[in-house]
PDB file of N, CA and C in Angstrom:
ATOM      1  N   GLN A   1       8.193 -10.687  19.316  1.00  0.00           N
ATOM      2  CA  GLN A   1       7.396  -9.644  19.650  1.00  0.00           C
ATOM      3  C   GLN A   1       6.782  -8.919  18.043  1.00  0.00           C
ATOM      4  N   VAL A   2       5.947  -7.955  19.266  1.00  0.00           N
ATOM      5  CA  VAL A   2       4.696  -7.344  17.877  1.00  0.00           C
ATOM      6  C   VAL A   2       5.521  -6.981  16.904  1.00  0.00           C
ATOM      7  N   GLN A   3       5.007  -6.866  15.192  1.00  0.00           N
ATOM      8  CA  GLN A   3       5.791  -6.535  14.077  1.00  0.00           C
ATOM      9  C   GLN A   3       4.868  -5.721  12.858  1.00  0.00           C
ATOM     10  N   LEU A   4       4.695  -4.624  12.536  1.00  0.00           N
ATOM     11  CA  LEU A   4       3.925  -4.246  11.582  1.00  0.00           C
ATOM     12  C   LEU A   4       4.566  -3.578  10.501  1.00  0.00           C
ATOM     13  N   VAL A   5       4.928  -3.885   8.944  1.00  0.00           N
ATOM     14  CA  VAL A   5       5.657  -4.099   8.199  1.00  0.00           C
ATOM     15  C   VAL A   5       4.677  -3.171   7.246  1.00  0.00           C
ATOM     16  N   GLU A   6       4.937  -2.233   7.084  1.00  0.00           N
ATOM     17  CA  GLU A   6       3.976  -1.638   5.722  1.00  0.00           C
ATOM     18  C   GLU A   6       4.449  -1.621   4.507  1.00  0.00           C
ATOM     19  N   SER A   7       3.997  -1.193   3.373  1.00  0.00           N
ATOM     20  CA  SER A   7       4.469  -0.998   2.538  1.00  0.00           C
ATOM     21  C   SER A   7       3.065  -1.081   1.148  1.00  0.00           C
ATOM     22  N   GLY A   8       4.216  -0.507   0.049  1.00  0.00           N
ATOM     23  CA  GLY A   8       2.846  -0.567  -0.985  1.00  0.00           C
ATOM     24  C   GLY A   8       2.540   0.816  -1.401  1.00  0.00           C
ATOM     25  N   GLY A   9       3.160   1.910  -0.725  1.00  0.00           N
ATOM     26  CA  GLY A   9       3.906   3.364  -1.283  1.00  0.00           C
ATOM     27  C   GLY A   9       4.337   3.280  -2.146  1.00  0.00           C
ATOM     28  N   GLY A  10       4.232   4.736  -2.927  1.00  0.00           N
ATOM     29  CA  GLY A  10       5.620   5.376  -4.084  1.00  0.00           C
ATOM     30  C   GLY A  10       4.162   6.724  -4.080  1.00  0.00           C
ATOM     31  N   LEU A  11       5.037   6.781  -5.745  1.00  0.00           N
ATOM     32  CA  LEU A  11       4.861   8.278  -6.219  1.00  0.00           C
ATOM     33  C   LEU A  11       3.670   8.030  -7.301  1.00  0.00           C
ATOM     34  N   VAL A  12       2.145   8.512  -7.072  1.00  0.00           N
ATOM     35  CA  VAL A  12       1.550   8.178  -8.056  1.00  0.00           C
ATOM     36  C   VAL A  12       0.606   9.734  -8.375  1.00  0.00           C
ATOM     37  N   GLU A  13      -0.286  10.028  -9.552  1.00  0.00           N
ATOM     38  CA  GLU A  13      -0.384  11.155 -10.014  1.00  0.00           C
ATOM     39  C   GLU A  13      -2.033  11.063  -9.574  1.00  0.00           C
ATOM     40  N   PRO A  14      -2.104  12.587  -9.293  1.00  0.00           N
ATOM     41  CA  PRO A  14      -3.583  13.005  -8.753  1.00  0.00           C
ATOM     42  C   PRO A  14      -4.654  12.206  -9.412  1.00  0.00           C
ATOM     43  N   GLY A  15      -5.511  11.978  -8.751  1.00  0.00           N
ATOM     44  CA  GLY A  15      -6.591  10.758  -9.249  1.00  0.00           C
ATOM     45  C   GLY A  15      -6.659   9.293 -10.013  1.00  0.00           C
ATOM     46  N   GLY A  16      -5.176   8.789  -9.404  1.00  0.00           N
ATOM     47  CA  GLY A  16      -4.618   7.867  -9.347  1.00  0.00           C
ATOM     48  C   GLY A  16      -4.810   7.298  -8.176  1.00  0.00           C
ATOM     49  N   SER A  17      -4.821   5.534  -7.731  1.00  0.00           N
ATOM     50  CA  SER A  17      -4.786   4.837  -6.760  1.00  0.00           C
ATOM     51  C   SER A  17      -3.358   3.873  -6.443  1.00  0.00           C
ATOM     52  N   LEU A  18      -3.336   3.712  -4.843  1.00  0.00           N
ATOM     53  CA  LEU A  18      -2.279   2.886  -4.336  1.00  0.00           C
ATOM     54  C   LEU A  18      -3.279   1.369  -3.574  1.00  0.00           C
ATOM     55  N   ARG A  19      -2.461   0.280  -3.300  1.00  0.00           N
ATOM     56  CA  ARG A  19      -2.664  -0.897  -2.216  1.00  0.00           C
ATOM     57  C   ARG A  19      -1.622  -0.436  -1.055  1.00  0.00           C
ATOM     58  N   LEU A  20      -2.219  -0.232   0.171  1.00  0.00           N
ATOM     59  CA  LEU A  20      -0.831  -0.127   0.979  1.00  0.00           C
ATOM     60  C   LEU A  20      -1.351  -1.580   1.715  1.00  0.00           C
ATOM     61  N   SER A  21      -0.129  -2.446   1.936  1.00  0.00           N
ATOM     62  CA  SER A  21      -0.108  -3.348   2.860  1.00  0.00           C
ATOM     63  C   SER A  21       0.624  -3.143   4.032  1.00  0.00           C
ATOM     64  N   CYS A  22      -0.264  -3.905   5.435  1.00  0.00           N
ATOM     65  CA  CYS A  22       0.610  -4.515   6.387  1.00  0.00           C
ATOM     66  C   CYS A  22       0.248  -5.201   6.663  1.00  0.00           C
ATOM     67  N   ALA A  23       2.190  -6.623   6.590  1.00  0.00           N
ATOM     68  CA  ALA A  23       1.938  -7.235   7.489  1.00  0.00           C
ATOM     69  C   ALA A  23       2.596  -7.788   8.945  1.00  0.00           C
ATOM     70  N   ALA A  24       1.812  -8.474  10.093  1.00  0.00           N
ATOM     71  CA  ALA A  24       1.721  -8.257  11.429  1.00  0.00           C
ATOM     72  C   ALA A  24       2.343  -9.571  10.970  1.00  0.00           C
ATOM     73  N   SER A  25       2.710  -9.779  12.159  1.00  0.00           N
ATOM     74  CA  SER A  25       3.662 -10.652  12.689  1.00  0.00           C
ATOM     75  C   SER A  25       3.519 -10.814  14.286  1.00  0.00           C
ATOM     76  N   GLY A  26       3.879 -11.762  15.078  1.00  0.00           N
ATOM     77  CA  GLY A  26       3.955 -11.602  16.363  1.00  0.00           C
ATOM     78  C   GLY A  26       2.290 -11.993  17.626  1.00  0.00           C
ATOM     79  N   PHE A  27       1.579 -11.565  17.259  1.00  0.00           N
ATOM     80  CA  PHE A  27       0.275 -11.825  17.793  1.00  0.00           C
ATOM     81  C   PHE A  27      -0.734 -12.657  17.440  1.00  0.00           C
ATOM     82  N   ALA A  28      -1.763 -12.758  17.832  1.00  0.00           N
ATOM     83  CA  ALA A  28      -3.042 -13.391  17.045  1.00  0.00           C
ATOM     84  C   ALA A  28      -3.413 -12.392  16.413  1.00  0.00           C
ATOM     85  N   PHE A  29      -3.575 -12.373  15.297  1.00  0.00           N
ATOM     86  CA  PHE A  29      -3.514 -11.253  14.009  1.00  0.00           C
ATOM     87  C   PHE A  29      -5.732 -10.745  14.444  1.00  0.00           C
ATOM     88  N   SER A  30      -6.202 -12.094  14.007  1.00  0.00           N
ATOM     89  CA  SER A  30      -7.615 -11.681  14.123  1.00  0.00           C
ATOM     90  C   SER A  30      -8.254 -11.103  15.414  1.00  0.00           C
ATOM     91  N   TYR A  31      -7.633 -11.589  16.543  1.00  0.00           N
ATOM     92  CA  TYR A  31      -8.450 -10.902  17.835  1.00  0.00           C
ATOM     93  C   TYR A  31      -7.956  -9.403  17.776  1.00  0.00           C
ATOM     94  N   TYR A  32      -7.522  -8.463  17.205  1.00  0.00           N
ATOM     95  CA  TYR A  32      -7.419  -7.608  17.444  1.00  0.00           C
ATOM     96  C   TYR A  32      -8.109  -6.743  16.202  1.00  0.00           C
ATOM     97  N   GLY A  33      -8.543  -5.290  16.635  1.00  0.00           N
ATOM     98  CA  GLY A  33      -8.517  -4.302  15.324  1.00  0.00           C
ATOM     99  C   GLY A  33      -7.695  -3.490  15.322  1.00  0.00           C
ATOM    100  N   MET A  34      -7.346  -3.553  14.250  1.00  0.00           N
ATOM    101  CA  MET A  34      -6.575  -2.138  13.273  1.00  0.00           C
ATOM    102  C   MET A  34      -7.039  -1.465  12.886  1.00  0.00           C
ATOM    103  N   SER A  35      -5.459  -0.181  12.566  1.00  0.00           N
ATOM    104  CA  SER A  35      -6.289   1.460  12.392  1.00  0.00           C
ATOM    105  C   SER A  35      -4.943   1.365  11.050  1.00  0.00           C
ATOM    106  N   TRP A  36      -5.608   2.160  10.105  1.00  0.00           N
ATOM    107  CA  TRP A  36      -4.593   3.012   9.144  1.00  0.00           C
ATOM    108  C   TRP A  36      -3.867   4.439   9.686  1.00  0.00           C
ATOM    109  N   TYR A  37      -3.036   4.782   9.969  1.00  0.00           N
ATOM    110  CA  TYR A  37      -3.181   6.655  10.116  1.00  0.00           C
ATOM    111  C   TYR A  37      -1.981   7.175   9.382  1.00  0.00           C
ATOM    112  N   ARG A  38      -2.385   8.404   8.770  1.00  0.00           N
ATOM    113  CA  ARG A  38      -1.005   8.702   7.672  1.00  0.00           C
ATOM    114  C   ARG A  38      -0.488  10.211   8.867  1.00  0.00           C
ATOM    115  N   GLN A  39       0.470  10.419   8.909  1.00  0.00           N
ATOM    116  CA  GLN A  39       0.735  12.071   8.824  1.00  0.00           C
ATOM    117  C   GLN A  39       1.908  12.284   7.655  1.00  0.00           C
ATOM    118  N   ALA A  40       1.039  14.060   7.634  1.00  0.00           N
ATOM    119  CA  ALA A  40       1.819  14.746   6.150  1.00  0.00           C
ATOM    120  C   ALA A  40       3.007  15.605   6.796  1.00  0.00           C
ATOM    121  N   PRO A  41       3.720  16.125   6.181  1.00  0.00           N
ATOM    122  CA  PRO A  41       4.611  16.970   6.698  1.00  0.00           C
ATOM    123  C   PRO A  41       4.259  17.943   7.806  1.00  0.00           C
ATOM    124  N   GLY A  42       4.197  18.594   8.764  1.00  0.00           N
ATOM    125  CA  GLY A  42       4.455  19.656   9.180  1.00  0.00           C
ATOM    126  C   GLY A  42       2.782  19.429   9.967  1.00  0.00           C
ATOM    127  N   LYS A  43       2.285  18.374  10.214  1.00  0.00           N
ATOM    128  CA  LYS A  43       0.671  18.003  10.871  1.00  0.00           C
ATOM    129  C   LYS A  43       1.026  16.741  11.787  1.00  0.00           C
ATOM    130  N   GLU A  44       0.056  17.029  12.182  1.00  0.00           N
ATOM    131  CA  GLU A  44      -0.530  15.867  13.383  1.00  0.00           C
ATOM    132  C   GLU A  44      -0.123  14.739  12.883  1.00  0.00           C
ATOM    133  N   ARG A  45      -0.328  13.516  13.200  1.00  0.00           N
ATOM    134  CA  ARG A  45      -0.836  12.148  12.713  1.00  0.00           C
ATOM    135  C   ARG A  45      -2.353  11.797  13.090  1.00  0.00           C
ATOM    136  N   GLU A  46      -2.624  11.386  12.250  1.00  0.00           N
ATOM    137  CA  GLU A  46      -4.411  11.389  12.270  1.00  0.00           C
ATOM    138  C   GLU A  46      -4.575   9.974  12.031  1.00  0.00           C
ATOM    139  N   LEU A  47      -5.631   9.759  12.886  1.00  0.00           N
ATOM    140  CA  LEU A  47      -6.560   8.338  12.036  1.00  0.00           C
ATOM    141  C   LEU A  47      -7.360   8.451  11.138  1.00  0.00           C
ATOM    142  N   ILE A  48      -6.952   7.740   9.889  1.00  0.00           N
ATOM    143  CA  ILE A  48      -7.956   8.099   8.982  1.00  0.00           C
ATOM    144  C   ILE A  48      -8.467   6.412   8.462  1.00  0.00           C
ATOM    145  N   ALA A  49      -8.986   5.291   8.880  1.00  0.00           N
ATOM    146  CA  ALA A  49      -9.578   4.378   8.971  1.00  0.00           C
ATOM    147  C   ALA A  49      -9.208   3.056  10.554  1.00  0.00           C
ATOM    148  N   SER A  50     -10.037   2.630  10.212  1.00  0.00           N
ATOM    149  CA  SER A  50     -10.478   1.542  11.340  1.00  0.00           C
ATOM    150  C   SER A  50     -11.336   0.356  11.094  1.00  0.00           C
ATOM    151  N   ILE A  51     -10.668  -0.872  11.558  1.00  0.00           N
ATOM    152  CA  ILE A  51     -11.548  -2.646  11.544  1.00  0.00           C
ATOM    153  C   ILE A  51     -10.635  -3.428  12.539  1.00  0.00           C
ATOM    154  N   ALA A  52     -12.810  -3.568  13.167  1.00  0.00           N
ATOM    155  CA  ALA A  52     -12.210  -5.055  13.924  1.00  0.00           C
ATOM    156  C   ALA A  52     -12.165  -6.029  13.470  1.00  0.00           C
ATOM    157  N   GLY A  53     -11.120  -7.093  14.978  1.00  0.00           N
ATOM    158  CA  GLY A  53     -10.515  -8.029  14.313  1.00  0.00           C
ATOM    159  C   GLY A  53     -11.535  -9.121  13.134  1.00  0.00           C
ATOM    160  N   SER A  54     -12.887  -9.016  13.134  1.00  0.00           N
ATOM    161  CA  SER A  54     -13.339 -10.003  12.496  1.00  0.00           C
ATOM    162  C   SER A  54     -13.741  -9.492  11.206  1.00  0.00           C
ATOM    163  N   GLY A  55     -13.496  -7.989  10.915  1.00  0.00           N
ATOM    164  CA  GLY A  55     -13.231  -7.431   9.813  1.00  0.00           C
ATOM    165  C   GLY A  55     -14.861  -6.654   9.561  1.00  0.00           C
ATOM    166  N   ALA A  56     -15.661  -6.284  10.692  1.00  0.00           N
ATOM    167  CA  ALA A  56     -16.751  -5.359  10.703  1.00  0.00           C
ATOM    168  C   ALA A  56     -16.508  -4.396  11.464  1.00  0.00           C
ATOM    169  N   GLY A  57     -17.415  -3.873  11.537  1.00  0.00           N
ATOM    170  CA  GLY A  57     -16.911  -2.422  12.784  1.00  0.00           C
ATOM    171  C   GLY A  57     -15.684  -1.512  12.277  1.00  0.00           C
ATOM    172  N   ILE A  58     -16.283  -1.294  10.515  1.00  0.00           N
ATOM    173  CA  ILE A  58     -15.001  -0.005   9.858  1.00  0.00           C
ATOM    174  C   ILE A  58     -15.748   1.450  10.458  1.00  0.00           C
ATOM    175  N   ASN A  59     -14.717   1.805  10.114  1.00  0.00           N
ATOM    176  CA  ASN A  59     -14.757   3.068  10.251  1.00  0.00           C
ATOM    177  C   ASN A  59     -13.777   4.564   9.940  1.00  0.00           C
ATOM    178  N   TYR A  60     -14.376   5.339   9.273  1.00  0.00           N
ATOM    179  CA  TYR A  60     -13.454   6.282   8.064  1.00  0.00           C
ATOM    180  C   TYR A  60     -12.949   7.530   8.631  1.00  0.00           C
ATOM    181  N   ALA A  61     -11.991   8.471   8.640  1.00  0.00           N
ATOM    182  CA  ALA A  61     -12.556   9.887   8.717  1.00  0.00           C
ATOM    183  C   ALA A  61     -13.721   9.889   7.793  1.00  0.00           C
ATOM    184  N   GLU A  62     -13.868  11.759   8.145  1.00  0.00           N
ATOM    185  CA  GLU A  62     -14.491  12.269   6.722  1.00  0.00           C
ATOM    186  C   GLU A  62     -13.703  12.836   5.709  1.00  0.00           C
ATOM    187  N   SER A  63     -12.293  12.356   5.840  1.00  0.00           N
ATOM    188  CA  SER A  63     -11.427  13.533   5.021  1.00  0.00           C
ATOM    189  C   SER A  63     -11.089  12.257   3.804  1.00  0.00           C
ATOM    190  N   VAL A  64     -11.273  10.746   3.668  1.00  0.00           N
ATOM    191  CA  VAL A  64     -11.044   9.725   3.343  1.00  0.00           C
ATOM    192  C   VAL A  64     -12.011   8.882   2.529  1.00  0.00           C
ATOM    193  N   LYS A  65     -13.658   8.910   3.262  1.00  0.00           N
ATOM    194  CA  LYS A  65     -14.336   8.444   3.282  1.00  0.00           C
ATOM    195  C   LYS A  65     -15.476   8.479   1.934  1.00  0.00           C
ATOM    196  N   GLY A  66     -15.711   7.159   1.288  1.00  0.00           N
ATOM    197  CA  GLY A  66     -15.754   6.916   0.355  1.00  0.00           C
ATOM    198  C   GLY A  66     -14.487   7.414  -1.149  1.00  0.00           C
ATOM    199  N   ARG A  67     -13.385   7.169  -0.728  1.00  0.00           N
ATOM    200  CA  ARG A  67     -11.892   7.084  -1.515  1.00  0.00           C
ATOM    201  C   ARG A  67     -11.406   6.141  -1.390  1.00  0.00           C
ATOM    202  N   PHE A  68     -11.114   6.147   0.117  1.00  0.00           N
ATOM    203  CA  PHE A  68     -10.251   4.373   0.631  1.00  0.00           C
ATOM    204  C   PHE A  68     -10.755   3.742   1.435  1.00  0.00           C
ATOM    205  N   THR A  69     -10.555   2.475   0.914  1.00  0.00           N
ATOM    206  CA  THR A  69     -11.377   0.786   2.161  1.00  0.00           C
ATOM    207  C   THR A  69     -10.237   0.217   2.601  1.00  0.00           C
ATOM    208  N   ILE A  70     -10.416   0.314   3.609  1.00  0.00           N
ATOM    209  CA  ILE A  70     -10.122  -0.966   4.409  1.00  0.00           C
ATOM    210  C   ILE A  70     -10.572  -2.301   4.507  1.00  0.00           C
ATOM    211  N   SER A  71      -9.454  -3.473   4.438  1.00  0.00           N
ATOM    212  CA  SER A  71      -9.593  -4.391   4.405  1.00  0.00           C
ATOM    213  C   SER A  71      -8.866  -5.353   5.534  1.00  0.00           C
ATOM    214  N   ARG A  72      -9.307  -6.853   5.508  1.00  0.00           N
ATOM    215  CA  ARG A  72      -8.349  -7.386   5.559  1.00  0.00           C
ATOM    216  C   ARG A  72      -8.183  -8.998   5.659  1.00  0.00           C
ATOM    217  N   ASP A  73      -6.837  -9.010   5.117  1.00  0.00           N
ATOM    218  CA  ASP A  73      -7.209 -10.849   5.111  1.00  0.00           C
ATOM    219  C   ASP A  73      -6.461 -11.541   6.421  1.00  0.00           C
ATOM    220  N   ASN A  74      -6.788 -12.252   7.179  1.00  0.00           N
ATOM    221  CA  ASN A  74      -7.039 -12.848   8.705  1.00  0.00           C
ATOM    222  C   ASN A  74      -5.541 -14.523   8.313  1.00  0.00           C
ATOM    223  N   ALA A  75      -6.192 -14.608   7.258  1.00  0.00           N
ATOM    224  CA  ALA A  75      -5.663 -15.714   6.713  1.00  0.00           C
ATOM    225  C   ALA A  75      -4.035 -15.966   6.724  1.00  0.00           C
ATOM    226  N   LYS A  76      -3.736 -14.501   5.964  1.00  0.00           N
ATOM    227  CA  LYS A  76      -2.390 -13.710   5.732  1.00  0.00           C
ATOM    228  C   LYS A  76      -2.080 -12.829   6.482  1.00  0.00           C
ATOM    229  N   ASN A  77      -2.191 -13.210   8.117  1.00  0.00           N
ATOM    230  CA  ASN A  77      -1.878 -11.851   8.539  1.00  0.00           C
ATOM    231  C   ASN A  77      -1.414 -10.267   8.349  1.00  0.00           C
ATOM    232  N   THR A  78      -2.594  -9.643   7.388  1.00  0.00           N
ATOM    233  CA  THR A  78      -2.517  -8.834   6.548  1.00  0.00           C
ATOM    234  C   THR A  78      -3.150  -7.524   6.700  1.00  0.00           C
ATOM    235  N   LEU A  79      -3.082  -6.812   6.465  1.00  0.00           N
ATOM    236  CA  LEU A  79      -4.228  -5.298   6.759  1.00  0.00           C
ATOM    237  C   LEU A  79      -4.190  -4.676   5.730  1.00  0.00           C
ATOM    238  N   TYR A  80      -4.643  -3.918   4.669  1.00  0.00           N
ATOM    239  CA  TYR A  80      -5.307  -3.572   3.768  1.00  0.00           C
ATOM    240  C   TYR A  80      -5.723  -2.040   3.942  1.00  0.00           C
ATOM    241  N   LEU A  81      -4.808  -0.778   3.041  1.00  0.00           N
ATOM    242  CA  LEU A  81      -5.774   0.231   2.458  1.00  0.00           C
ATOM    243  C   LEU A  81      -5.312   0.345   1.384  1.00  0.00           C
ATOM    244  N   GLN A  82      -7.173   0.703  -0.041  1.00  0.00           N
ATOM    245  CA  GLN A  82      -6.929   0.884  -1.038  1.00  0.00           C
ATOM    246  C   GLN A  82      -7.375   2.334  -0.944  1.00  0.00           C
ATOM    247  N   LEU A  83      -6.176   3.042  -1.983  1.00  0.00           N
ATOM    248  CA  LEU A  83      -6.523   4.802  -1.570  1.00  0.00           C
ATOM    249  C   LEU A  83      -6.575   4.932  -3.452  1.00  0.00           C
ATOM    250  N   ASP A  84      -8.293   5.174  -3.003  1.00  0.00           N
ATOM    251  CA  ASP A  84      -8.577   5.820  -4.954  1.00  0.00           C
ATOM    252  C   ASP A  84      -8.650   6.917  -5.139  1.00  0.00           C
ATOM    253  N   SER A  85      -8.755   8.343  -5.834  1.00  0.00           N
ATOM    254  CA  SER A  85      -8.888   8.939  -6.176  1.00  0.00           C
ATOM    255  C   SER A  85      -7.824  10.179  -4.979  1.00  0.00           C
ATOM    256  N   LEU A  86      -7.182   9.821  -5.526  1.00  0.00           N
ATOM    257  CA  LEU A  86      -5.710  10.408  -4.419  1.00  0.00           C
ATOM    258  C   LEU A  86      -5.946  12.098  -4.934  1.00  0.00           C
ATOM    259  N   THR A  87      -5.529  12.637  -4.273  1.00  0.00           N
ATOM    260  CA  THR A  87      -4.896  14.224  -4.489  1.00  0.00           C
ATOM    261  C   THR A  87      -3.730  14.579  -3.536  1.00  0.00           C
ATOM    262  N   PRO A  88      -3.503  15.957  -3.654  1.00  0.00           N
ATOM    263  CA  PRO A  88      -2.051  16.300  -2.997  1.00  0.00           C
ATOM    264  C   PRO A  88      -2.448  16.156  -1.297  1.00  0.00           C
ATOM    265  N   ASP A  89      -3.085  16.092  -1.070  1.00  0.00           N
ATOM    266  CA  ASP A  89      -3.478  16.245   0.348  1.00  0.00           C
ATOM    267  C   ASP A  89      -3.193  15.413   0.980  1.00  0.00           C
ATOM    268  N   ASP A  90      -3.436  14.234   0.341  1.00  0.00           N
ATOM    269  CA  ASP A  90      -2.911  12.822   0.805  1.00  0.00           C
ATOM    270  C   ASP A  90      -1.628  12.420   0.819  1.00  0.00           C
ATOM    271  N   THR A  91      -0.680  13.314   0.796  1.00  0.00           N
ATOM    272  CA  THR A  91       0.379  12.824   0.952  1.00  0.00           C
ATOM    273  C   THR A  91       1.143  12.889   2.238  1.00  0.00           C
ATOM    274  N   ALA A  92       1.629  11.871   2.705  1.00  0.00           N
ATOM    275  CA  ALA A  92       1.766  11.237   3.827  1.00  0.00           C
ATOM    276  C   ALA A  92       2.174  10.552   3.860  1.00  0.00           C
ATOM    277  N   VAL A  93       3.521  10.324   5.190  1.00  0.00           N
ATOM    278  CA  VAL A  93       3.449   9.024   5.728  1.00  0.00           C
ATOM    279  C   VAL A  93       2.502   7.943   6.541  1.00  0.00           C
ATOM    280  N   TYR A  94       1.952   6.203   5.714  1.00  0.00           N
ATOM    281  CA  TYR A  94       1.219   5.589   6.373  1.00  0.00           C
ATOM    282  C   TYR A  94       1.247   4.839   7.022  1.00  0.00           C
ATOM    283  N   TYR A  95       1.015   4.738   8.272  1.00  0.00           N
ATOM    284  CA  TYR A  95       1.348   3.633   9.567  1.00  0.00           C
ATOM    285  C   TYR A  95      -0.330   2.855   9.677  1.00  0.00           C
ATOM    286  N   CYS A  96      -0.245   1.326  10.152  1.00  0.00           N
ATOM    287  CA  CYS A  96      -0.732   0.995  10.556  1.00  0.00           C
ATOM    288  C   CYS A  96      -1.003   0.783  12.054  1.00  0.00           C
ATOM    289  N   ARG A  97      -1.713   0.113  12.720  1.00  0.00           N
ATOM    290  CA  ARG A  97      -1.439  -0.052  14.209  1.00  0.00           C
ATOM    291  C   ARG A  97      -2.269  -1.047  14.771  1.00  0.00           C
ATOM    292  N   ARG A  98      -1.727  -1.497  16.232  1.00  0.00           N
ATOM    293  CA  ARG A  98      -2.305  -2.700  16.217  1.00  0.00           C
ATOM    294  C   ARG A  98      -3.102  -1.975  17.148  1.00  0.00           C
ATOM    295  N   THR A  99      -4.755  -2.170  17.624  1.00  0.00           N
ATOM    296  CA  THR A  99      -4.960  -1.835  19.259  1.00  0.00           C
ATOM    297  C   THR A  99      -4.354  -1.974  20.401  1.00  0.00           C
ATOM    298  N   SER A 100      -4.409  -1.045  21.079  1.00  0.00           N
ATOM    299  CA  SER A 100      -3.273  -1.649  22.179  1.00  0.00           C
ATOM    300  C   SER A 100      -1.841  -1.531  22.368  1.00  0.00           C
ATOM    301  N   PHE A 101      -1.457  -1.337  21.348  1.00  0.00           N
ATOM    302  CA  PHE A 101      -0.376  -1.707  20.631  1.00  0.00           C
ATOM    303  C   PHE A 101       0.574   0.498  20.573  1.00  0.00           C
ATOM    304  N   PRO A 102       1.163   0.881  21.950  1.00  0.00           N
ATOM    305  CA  PRO A 102       1.991   2.260  21.361  1.00  0.00           C
ATOM    306  C   PRO A 102       3.148   2.539  20.365  1.00  0.00           C
ATOM    307  N   ASP A 103       3.799   0.890  19.666  1.00  0.00           N
ATOM    308  CA  ASP A 103       4.875   1.514  19.007  1.00  0.00           C
ATOM    309  C   ASP A 103       4.437   2.085  17.395  1.00  0.00           C
ATOM    310  N   TRP A 104       5.378   2.681  16.680  1.00  0.00           N
ATOM    311  CA  TRP A 104       5.244   2.870  15.770  1.00  0.00           C
ATOM    312  C   TRP A 104       6.283   2.003  14.525  1.00  0.00           C
ATOM    313  N   GLY A 105       5.832   1.409  13.454  1.00  0.00           N
ATOM    314  CA  GLY A 105       6.417   0.808  12.432  1.00  0.00           C
ATOM    315  C   GLY A 105       7.051   2.225  11.877  1.00  0.00           C
ATOM    316  N   GLN A 106       8.027   2.163  10.206  1.00  0.00           N
ATOM    317  CA  GLN A 106       8.302   3.054   9.230  1.00  0.00           C
ATOM    318  C   GLN A 106       7.306   3.518   9.141  1.00  0.00           C
ATOM    319  N   GLY A 107       6.660   2.901   8.502  1.00  0.00           N
ATOM    320  CA  GLY A 107       5.332   3.401   7.830  1.00  0.00           C
ATOM    321  C   GLY A 107       5.496   4.006   6.283  1.00  0.00           C
ATOM    322  N   THR A 108       4.546   3.806   5.295  1.00  0.00           N
ATOM    323  CA  THR A 108       5.193   3.755   3.743  1.00  0.00           C
ATOM    324  C   THR A 108       4.964   4.840   3.317  1.00  0.00           C
ATOM    325  N   GLN A 109       5.665   5.798   2.798  1.00  0.00           N
ATOM    326  CA  GLN A 109       5.754   7.081   1.757  1.00  0.00           C
ATOM    327  C   GLN A 109       4.322   6.549   0.592  1.00  0.00           C
ATOM    328  N   VAL A 110       3.710   7.882   0.958  1.00  0.00           N
ATOM    329  CA  VAL A 110       2.606   7.848  -0.390  1.00  0.00           C
ATOM    330  C   VAL A 110       2.787   9.652  -1.096  1.00  0.00           C
ATOM    331  N   THR A 111       3.406   9.170  -2.433  1.00  0.00           N
ATOM    332  CA  THR A 111       3.556  10.824  -2.409  1.00  0.00           C
ATOM    333  C   THR A 111       2.647  11.394  -3.993  1.00  0.00           C
ATOM    334  N   VAL A 112       1.325  12.162  -3.751  1.00  0.00           N
ATOM    335  CA  VAL A 112       0.785  12.326  -5.136  1.00  0.00           C
ATOM    336  C   VAL A 112       1.250  13.578  -5.948  1.00  0.00           C
ATOM    337  N   SER A 113       1.843  13.454  -6.902  1.00  0.00           N
ATOM    338  CA  SER A 113       2.376  14.794  -7.514  1.00  0.00           C
ATOM    339  C   SER A 113       1.533  15.706  -7.559  1.00  0.00           C
ATOM    340  N   LEU A 114       2.294  17.086  -7.764  1.00  0.00           N
ATOM    341  CA  LEU A 114       1.277  19.089  -7.964  1.00  0.00           C
ATOM    342  C   LEU A 114       0.826  18.108  -9.459  1.00  0.00           C
TER     343      LEU A 114
END
């Protein structure tokens, strides 16, 4: 079955960086667009970045544009999100998602200290 496992979150100071990974299995990874979402406490889950199966067609939410970078390594079935210039407003659980797949995994917690 489809499996998406996020990792790489943690505690980081404002202005710091993290690199999140999403290990994918159970489907032809390179044929599907992938996205990163995040959900902060008390807020709606929001789409923050997406990427086409080939690695083209990248889009970002305005809130992260210029600071976050989405990429993928199709040979490793892995999706990445590089988070730079982090602020406390970036604190959230981060999730990856496959196009047309409705279920969510556990996500990975990113906490930016005040």
